[in-house]
Amino acid sequence: MGIYLDHAATTYTDERVLEAMLPYFKDVFGNASSAHGYGQEAERGVGIARQQVADAIGAKRDEVYFTSGGTESDNWAIKGAAEAAKKGHIVTSAVEHHAVLDTCKYLETRGFDVTYLPADGSGLISADSVAGAIRDDTVLVSIMFANNEVGTLMPIREIGQIARARGVLFHTDAVQAIGHVPIDVDALGIDMLSLSAHKFYGPKGAGALYIRHGTGIAKFMHGGAQEKDMRASTLNTPGIVGLGAAIELAAAEREQNNAHEAVLAKRLRDGLLALPMTKLNGHETSRLPGNVNITFRGIEGEALMIHLDLEGIAVSTGSACTSGSTSPSYVLLAMGLSTVDARAAIRFTVGRGNTAQDIDTVIEKTKNVAERLREISPLFAQYKGDKKYV
């Protein structure tokens, strides 16, 4: 069909995950909250998934709450902590996912003070900057585990240690990190963690929020008594079962998949950076193995993405959640890129189904498309002949 290099946006559902889910659509169809046998059978599937998630992140089973995905988990963690505290100060970063940023902006309208820490040129938020931002009235620190656009890994262990020493709750959006980075919430000092199944070959519409025992957090939705009376709504049993199966596979196969993605990403990165006037975005080494974010100077990234799509290659200009926007990536702008260079960036994210042949094809087609676009691009004149960009 084509070559898919947008795995940071979503992944396909693994056949083994789908196989685990299928009985829960028809045969094991009971409401997991019902007391009769049909409900109890469905609840057993939910319980297995809860343990699978807990095992994957080093948590206790009853610290795992199921949600509809990463956005809901982020909203619940941040709003829930804020509502429990009633007032105070929140520390986050300027390169967070909009699920965190927009939630924090909403809380500013409710009287909370929010500090948005700047990133350095590699997209990194330093632990020192977090330490310097914490105040006596700080109630929450929320820093993502890995950036969704440039793949930069944050110093989560150090941030967790700082937050714990200062008595402040620490939440991390680990949506991009699950399946790529070993996570132990106790060792890392994490109080709340968000994840979403469709980022690691599970189904869409299924996520989870880890909440450490003793964490002060308000319930997210009111209604039924599901999820220990913390999150009302009939449980999405097939999705939850799929999430559990997917995270178990992701943890078991992490090293194998990372090695595969890293080899292909290096091949892609080396091939693209060999083209004139290209620049890697994100941290040089501390990054997700399959993320390659490149600025192609003198080209409009949107045009490059569309032309690659016509060639059967799926990539993105940034987060899928902002793909309808014509504005340049706020993450790249926060890293210090100019508006022109931010508009010229493409995110390639490799997955476990890609091959070396895929990568070679992408390099060749990207080279050809970039050359054609530069010939007709008015932006190209700004860089042509400037040796520092060659």
Protein backbone atom coordinates (compact mmCIF):
# COMPACT_ATOMS: atom_id res chain seq x y z
CA MET A 1 0.00 0.00 0.00
CA GLY A 2 2.81 2.40 0.84
CA ILE A 3 5.42 3.22 3.43
CA TYR A 4 4.17 4.35 6.83
CA LEU A 5 6.60 6.49 8.84
CA ASP A 6 4.18 8.20 11.22
CA HIS A 7 4.18 5.78 14.15
CA ALA A 8 4.31 8.62 16.68
CA ALA A 9 0.81 9.58 15.52
CA THR A 10 -0.57 6.06 15.81
CA THR A 11 0.33 2.43 15.22
CA TYR A 12 -1.69 -0.41 13.77
CA THR A 13 -3.22 -2.92 16.17
CA ASP A 14 -1.03 -6.00 16.52
CA GLU A 15 -2.76 -9.21 15.38
CA ARG A 16 -2.00 -10.84 18.74
CA VAL A 17 -3.68 -7.92 20.48
CA LEU A 18 -6.71 -8.14 18.20
CA GLU A 19 -6.94 -11.86 18.89
CA ALA A 20 -7.03 -11.18 22.64
CA MET A 21 -9.78 -8.56 22.16
CA LEU A 22 -12.15 -10.48 19.85
CA PRO A 23 -13.95 -12.62 22.47
CA TYR A 24 -14.89 -9.48 24.40
CA PHE A 25 -16.91 -8.09 21.50
CA LYS A 26 -19.31 -11.03 21.33
CA ASP A 27 -18.78 -14.01 23.64
CA VAL A 28 -17.64 -12.20 26.79
CA PHE A 29 -19.95 -9.23 26.33
CA GLY A 30 -21.12 -8.60 29.88
CA ASN A 31 -20.79 -5.29 31.67
CA ALA A 32 -17.69 -5.61 33.82
CA SER A 33 -19.49 -3.80 36.64
CA SER A 34 -22.36 -6.30 36.78
CA ALA A 35 -22.45 -8.83 39.63
CA HIS A 36 -23.71 -11.81 37.62
CA GLY A 37 -21.58 -14.36 35.82
CA TYR A 38 -21.48 -12.50 32.52
CA GLY A 39 -20.18 -9.40 34.27
CA GLN A 40 -17.70 -11.33 36.39
CA GLU A 41 -16.23 -12.97 33.29
CA ALA A 42 -15.73 -9.56 31.69
CA GLU A 43 -14.25 -8.21 34.93
CA ARG A 44 -11.67 -11.01 34.93
CA GLY A 45 -10.43 -9.73 31.57
CA VAL A 46 -10.24 -6.19 32.95
CA GLY A 47 -8.38 -7.44 36.02
CA ILE A 48 -5.80 -9.25 33.91
CA ALA A 49 -5.24 -6.07 31.87
CA ARG A 50 -4.89 -4.00 35.04
CA GLN A 51 -2.15 -6.33 36.24
CA GLN A 52 -0.44 -6.26 32.84
CA VAL A 53 -0.28 -2.46 32.92
CA ALA A 54 0.93 -2.47 36.53
CA ASP A 55 3.68 -4.99 35.75
CA ALA A 56 4.86 -2.97 32.76
CA ILE A 57 5.45 0.20 34.80
CA GLY A 58 6.34 -1.22 38.21
CA ALA A 59 3.05 -0.21 39.83
CA LYS A 60 0.53 -1.96 42.04
CA ARG A 61 -2.56 -3.33 40.35
CA ASP A 62 -5.01 -1.07 42.19
CA GLU A 63 -2.99 2.03 41.24
CA VAL A 64 -4.03 1.63 37.57
CA TYR A 65 -7.19 3.38 36.32
CA PHE A 66 -8.51 2.92 32.80
CA THR A 67 -9.40 5.91 30.61
CA SER A 68 -10.20 6.64 26.98
CA GLY A 69 -6.60 7.59 26.14
CA GLY A 70 -3.69 9.90 26.81
CA THR A 71 -5.66 13.14 26.57
CA GLU A 72 -8.16 12.07 29.21
CA SER A 73 -5.38 10.74 31.45
CA ASP A 74 -3.49 14.04 31.22
CA ASN A 75 -6.65 16.03 31.93
CA TRP A 76 -7.54 13.88 34.91
CA ALA A 77 -4.06 13.98 36.43
CA ILE A 78 -3.69 17.76 36.17
CA LYS A 79 -7.26 18.88 36.84
CA GLY A 80 -7.69 16.25 39.54
CA ALA A 81 -4.56 17.30 41.40
CA ALA A 82 -5.50 20.97 41.05
CA GLU A 83 -9.05 20.44 42.27
CA ALA A 84 -7.82 18.46 45.26
CA ALA A 85 -5.37 21.25 46.13
CA LYS A 86 -7.97 23.98 45.43
CA LYS A 87 -5.29 26.60 44.70
CA GLY A 88 -1.58 26.93 44.05
CA HIS A 89 1.15 26.79 41.45
CA ILE A 90 1.86 24.29 38.65
CA VAL A 91 5.16 23.71 36.83
CA THR A 92 5.13 22.34 33.28
CA SER A 93 7.06 22.97 30.06
CA ALA A 94 6.54 24.87 26.83
CA VAL A 95 7.00 21.69 24.75
CA GLU A 96 4.30 19.52 26.35
CA HIS A 97 1.50 17.95 24.36
CA HIS A 98 -1.56 20.18 24.01
CA ALA A 99 -3.43 17.83 26.36
CA VAL A 100 -1.19 19.18 29.11
CA LEU A 101 -0.71 22.74 27.85
CA ASP A 102 -4.38 23.46 27.22
CA THR A 103 -5.36 21.92 30.55
CA CYS A 104 -2.88 24.16 32.34
CA LYS A 105 -4.13 27.20 30.44
CA TYR A 106 -7.68 26.31 31.51
CA LEU A 107 -6.54 26.11 35.14
CA GLU A 108 -5.05 29.60 34.84
CA THR A 109 -8.60 30.85 34.26
CA ARG A 110 -9.53 29.15 37.54
CA GLY A 111 -6.95 31.02 39.57
CA PHE A 112 -3.93 28.71 39.35
CA ASP A 113 -0.52 30.12 38.53
CA VAL A 114 1.41 28.12 35.91
CA THR A 115 5.10 28.26 35.00
CA TYR A 116 5.92 27.06 31.46
CA LEU A 117 9.61 26.14 31.46
CA PRO A 118 11.56 26.86 28.27
CA ALA A 119 13.35 24.07 26.42
CA ASP A 120 16.92 24.26 25.22
CA GLY A 121 17.89 23.93 21.56
CA SER A 122 17.54 20.14 21.72
CA GLY A 123 14.07 20.25 23.24
CA LEU A 124 15.35 19.26 26.69
CA ILE A 125 13.86 20.48 29.97
CA SER A 126 16.61 20.45 32.60
CA ALA A 127 16.06 19.14 36.10
CA ASP A 128 17.73 22.31 37.41
CA SER A 129 15.09 24.47 35.73
CA VAL A 130 12.36 22.41 37.39
CA ALA A 131 14.05 22.79 40.77
CA GLY A 132 14.34 26.54 40.27
CA ALA A 133 10.68 26.89 39.36
CA ILE A 134 9.21 25.05 42.37
CA ARG A 135 7.76 27.40 44.97
CA ASP A 136 6.29 26.96 48.42
CA ASP A 137 2.81 26.88 46.88
CA THR A 138 3.66 24.48 44.02
CA VAL A 139 1.16 21.61 43.96
CA LEU A 140 2.15 19.78 40.78
CA VAL A 141 5.01 19.29 38.32
CA SER A 142 4.00 17.85 34.92
CA ILE A 143 6.85 17.10 32.50
CA MET A 144 6.53 14.68 29.59
CA PHE A 145 8.73 11.58 29.44
CA ALA A 146 9.56 11.93 25.75
CA ASN A 147 8.64 14.69 23.33
CA ASN A 148 6.15 13.62 20.67
CA GLU A 149 7.58 15.81 17.91
CA VAL A 150 11.37 15.57 18.21
CA GLY A 151 11.72 12.48 20.42
CA THR A 152 13.89 14.09 23.10
CA LEU A 153 13.92 12.13 26.37
CA MET A 154 13.56 14.19 29.54
CA PRO A 155 15.57 13.62 32.78
CA ILE A 156 12.60 12.02 34.51
CA ARG A 157 14.51 10.35 37.34
CA GLU A 158 16.17 13.61 38.37
CA ILE A 159 12.91 15.55 38.13
CA GLY A 160 11.13 12.90 40.18
CA GLN A 161 13.79 13.09 42.89
CA ILE A 162 13.49 16.88 43.04
CA ALA A 163 9.69 16.84 43.23
CA ARG A 164 9.70 14.19 45.96
CA ALA A 165 12.30 16.04 48.02
CA ARG A 166 10.17 19.18 47.81
CA GLY A 167 6.91 17.36 48.60
CA VAL A 168 5.35 18.15 45.22
CA LEU A 169 3.29 15.74 43.09
CA PHE A 170 4.98 14.67 39.86
CA HIS A 171 3.00 13.70 36.75
CA THR A 172 4.52 12.59 33.47
CA ASP A 173 2.87 12.13 30.09
CA ALA A 174 4.52 8.86 29.00
CA VAL A 175 2.37 8.33 25.92
CA GLN A 176 5.37 8.28 23.56
CA ALA A 177 7.72 6.50 25.97
CA ILE A 178 5.79 3.28 26.67
CA GLY A 179 7.30 0.44 24.68
CA HIS A 180 10.57 2.33 24.13
CA VAL A 181 11.87 3.13 27.61
CA PRO A 182 11.96 0.90 30.71
CA ILE A 183 9.71 2.49 33.33
CA ASP A 184 9.56 1.86 37.06
CA VAL A 185 7.34 4.49 38.67
CA ASP A 186 8.78 3.89 42.15
CA ALA A 187 12.40 4.14 41.07
CA LEU A 188 11.66 7.25 39.00
CA GLY A 189 9.63 9.02 41.67
CA ILE A 190 6.52 9.31 39.50
CA ASP A 191 3.18 9.93 41.25
CA MET A 192 0.97 9.90 38.14
CA LEU A 193 1.63 8.61 34.63
CA SER A 194 -0.46 8.80 31.45
CA LEU A 195 -0.41 6.25 28.63
CA SER A 196 -2.42 5.37 25.51
CA ALA A 197 -2.71 1.96 23.84
CA HIS A 198 -2.67 3.07 20.21
CA LYS A 199 0.92 4.33 20.50
CA PHE A 200 2.25 0.80 21.16
CA TYR A 201 0.26 -1.37 18.74
CA GLY A 202 -2.93 -1.47 20.79
CA PRO A 203 -6.44 -0.18 20.03
CA LYS A 204 -7.50 3.44 19.86
CA GLY A 205 -9.79 4.75 22.58
CA ALA A 206 -8.09 2.91 25.44
CA GLY A 207 -5.67 4.46 27.91
CA ALA A 208 -4.69 4.41 31.55
CA LEU A 209 -3.63 6.69 34.36
CA TYR A 210 -1.33 5.45 37.10
CA ILE A 211 -2.09 7.15 40.44
CA ARG A 212 0.22 6.36 43.35
CA HIS A 213 -1.44 5.32 46.59
CA GLY A 214 -2.04 8.35 48.79
CA THR A 215 -2.05 10.87 45.93
CA GLY A 216 -4.59 13.63 46.47
CA ILE A 217 -6.68 13.70 43.30
CA ALA A 218 -10.34 14.43 42.59
CA LYS A 219 -12.52 12.09 40.55
CA PHE A 220 -12.68 12.91 36.85
CA MET A 221 -16.21 11.94 35.81
CA HIS A 222 -19.32 11.66 37.95
CA GLY A 223 -22.00 9.04 37.51
CA GLY A 224 -21.44 5.37 38.21
CA ALA A 225 -19.00 3.88 40.71
CA GLN A 226 -16.61 2.41 38.15
CA GLU A 227 -12.85 2.53 38.76
CA LYS A 228 -13.23 2.68 42.54
CA ASP A 229 -15.75 5.50 42.21
CA MET A 230 -13.09 7.72 40.61
CA ARG A 231 -14.03 7.60 36.92
CA ALA A 232 -17.64 6.94 35.98
CA SER A 233 -18.57 5.25 32.68
CA THR A 234 -19.10 1.69 31.51
CA LEU A 235 -15.70 0.14 30.96
CA ASN A 236 -14.50 -0.38 27.39
CA THR A 237 -13.72 -4.03 28.06
CA PRO A 238 -12.39 -5.01 24.60
CA GLY A 239 -10.20 -1.90 24.49
CA ILE A 240 -8.90 -2.46 28.02
CA VAL A 241 -8.09 -6.10 27.25
CA GLY A 242 -6.28 -4.93 24.11
CA LEU A 243 -4.34 -2.32 26.07
CA GLY A 244 -3.21 -4.97 28.54
CA ALA A 245 -2.11 -7.37 25.81
CA ALA A 246 -0.31 -4.61 23.91
CA ILE A 247 1.62 -3.24 26.89
CA GLU A 248 2.70 -6.75 27.91
CA LEU A 249 4.04 -7.37 24.39
CA ALA A 250 5.66 -3.92 24.27
CA ALA A 251 7.53 -4.57 27.50
CA ALA A 252 8.60 -8.08 26.51
CA GLU A 253 9.78 -7.08 23.03
CA ARG A 254 11.12 -3.60 23.85
CA GLU A 255 14.83 -4.30 23.36
CA GLN A 256 14.28 -6.17 20.11
CA ASN A 257 12.00 -3.48 18.68
CA ASN A 258 14.24 -0.64 19.85
CA ALA A 259 17.29 -2.19 18.20
CA HIS A 260 15.37 -2.61 14.94
CA GLU A 261 14.03 0.94 14.97
CA ALA A 262 17.37 2.47 15.96
CA VAL A 263 19.19 0.84 13.04
CA LEU A 264 16.59 2.01 10.55
CA ALA A 265 16.35 5.49 12.07
CA LYS A 266 20.13 5.92 11.82
CA ARG A 267 20.02 4.81 8.19
CA LEU A 268 17.25 7.32 7.51
CA ARG A 269 18.90 10.10 9.49
CA ASP A 270 22.28 9.64 7.78
CA GLY A 271 20.66 9.52 4.36
CA LEU A 272 18.56 12.65 4.87
CA LEU A 273 21.30 14.67 6.54
CA ALA A 274 23.50 13.95 3.54
CA LEU A 275 21.13 16.14 1.55
CA PRO A 276 22.12 19.82 1.38
CA MET A 277 20.68 22.30 3.89
CA THR A 278 19.18 19.79 6.30
CA LYS A 279 19.28 19.84 10.09
CA LEU A 280 18.33 17.31 12.78
CA ASN A 281 15.88 18.56 15.40
CA GLY A 282 15.93 17.18 18.93
CA HIS A 283 18.63 15.80 21.19
CA GLU A 284 21.55 14.17 19.40
CA THR A 285 21.60 11.03 21.57
CA SER A 286 18.92 11.18 24.28
CA ARG A 287 15.95 10.52 22.03
CA LEU A 288 13.40 7.88 21.13
CA PRO A 289 14.98 5.26 18.84
CA GLY A 290 12.60 5.68 15.91
CA ASN A 291 12.20 9.47 15.80
CA VAL A 292 13.91 11.46 13.03
CA ASN A 293 12.80 15.10 12.83
CA ILE A 294 14.52 17.01 10.03
CA THR A 295 14.35 20.60 8.82
CA PHE A 296 14.70 20.90 5.03
CA ARG A 297 15.71 24.53 4.61
CA GLY A 298 14.20 26.37 1.69
CA ILE A 299 11.10 24.11 1.57
CA GLU A 300 7.63 24.40 3.05
CA GLY A 301 7.23 21.29 5.19
CA GLU A 302 3.52 20.99 4.36
CA ALA A 303 4.35 20.85 0.66
CA LEU A 304 7.02 18.21 1.22
CA MET A 305 4.62 16.10 3.30
CA ILE A 306 1.88 16.29 0.63
CA HIS A 307 4.26 15.36 -2.19
CA LEU A 308 5.62 12.42 -0.19
CA ASP A 309 2.05 11.31 0.44
CA LEU A 310 1.48 11.32 -3.31
CA GLU A 311 4.53 9.05 -3.55
CA GLY A 312 2.92 6.67 -1.06
CA ILE A 313 4.97 7.77 1.97
CA ALA A 314 3.19 8.82 5.17
CA VAL A 315 5.04 11.34 7.36
CA SER A 316 3.97 14.41 9.33
CA THR A 317 4.93 18.02 9.99
CA GLY A 318 4.44 17.57 13.74
CA SER A 319 1.90 16.23 16.19
CA ALA A 320 -1.17 14.63 14.61
CA CYS A 321 -3.26 16.59 17.12
CA THR A 322 -2.25 19.86 15.43
CA SER A 323 -2.16 18.63 11.83
CA GLY A 324 -5.08 20.88 10.88
CA SER A 325 -3.16 23.99 11.91
CA THR A 326 -1.20 26.09 9.44
CA SER A 327 0.97 27.50 12.23
CA PRO A 328 4.58 26.30 12.60
CA SER A 329 5.31 23.75 15.30
CA TYR A 330 5.18 25.39 18.74
CA VAL A 331 7.67 22.77 19.95
CA LEU A 332 10.27 23.77 17.35
CA LEU A 333 9.66 27.47 18.02
CA ALA A 334 10.14 26.84 21.75
CA MET A 335 13.47 25.18 20.89
CA GLY A 336 14.62 28.37 19.21
CA LEU A 337 14.06 27.58 15.54
CA SER A 338 13.02 30.45 13.30
CA THR A 339 9.49 30.44 11.95
CA VAL A 340 10.82 29.63 8.49
CA ASP A 341 12.89 26.67 9.70
CA ALA A 342 10.07 25.40 11.91
CA ARG A 343 7.76 25.40 8.89
CA ALA A 344 10.34 23.37 6.97
CA ALA A 345 10.43 20.42 9.38
CA ILE A 346 9.21 16.88 8.80
CA ARG A 347 8.79 14.18 11.45
CA PHE A 348 9.62 10.64 10.34
CA THR A 349 8.86 7.97 12.96
CA VAL A 350 9.99 4.43 12.28
CA GLY A 351 8.05 1.37 13.45
CA ARG A 352 8.72 -2.31 13.86
CA GLY A 353 7.16 -3.17 10.49
CA ASN A 354 9.51 -0.98 8.45
CA THR A 355 12.41 -2.41 6.47
CA ALA A 356 15.77 -1.21 5.19
CA GLN A 357 14.27 -1.16 1.70
CA ASP A 358 11.53 1.17 2.96
CA ILE A 359 14.15 3.54 4.33
CA ASP A 360 16.20 3.58 1.15
CA THR A 361 13.07 4.30 -0.87
CA VAL A 362 12.11 7.15 1.45
CA ILE A 363 15.59 8.69 1.24
CA GLU A 364 15.58 8.57 -2.55
CA LYS A 365 12.05 9.91 -2.97
CA THR A 366 12.60 12.64 -0.36
CA LYS A 367 15.76 13.72 -2.18
CA ASN A 368 13.91 13.93 -5.50
CA VAL A 369 10.90 15.78 -4.06
CA ALA A 370 13.10 18.20 -2.10
CA GLU A 371 15.08 19.08 -5.21
CA ARG A 372 11.89 19.74 -7.21
CA LEU A 373 10.37 21.88 -4.48
CA ARG A 374 13.53 23.92 -4.00
CA GLU A 375 13.58 24.75 -7.69
CA ILE A 376 10.23 26.50 -7.36
CA SER A 377 10.44 27.69 -3.75
CA PRO A 378 10.83 31.42 -3.01
CA LEU A 379 12.22 30.39 0.39
CA PHE A 380 15.19 28.71 -1.25
CA ALA A 381 16.61 32.07 -2.32
CA GLN A 382 17.10 33.01 1.35
CA TYR A 383 19.56 30.16 1.83
CA LYS A 384 21.13 29.48 -1.55
CA GLY A 385 24.77 30.35 -1.50
CA ASP A 386 24.93 30.73 2.30
CA LYS A 387 27.72 28.32 3.20
CA LYS A 388 26.62 27.85 6.80
CA TYR A 389 23.46 26.11 5.55
CA VAL A 390 25.03 23.88 2.91
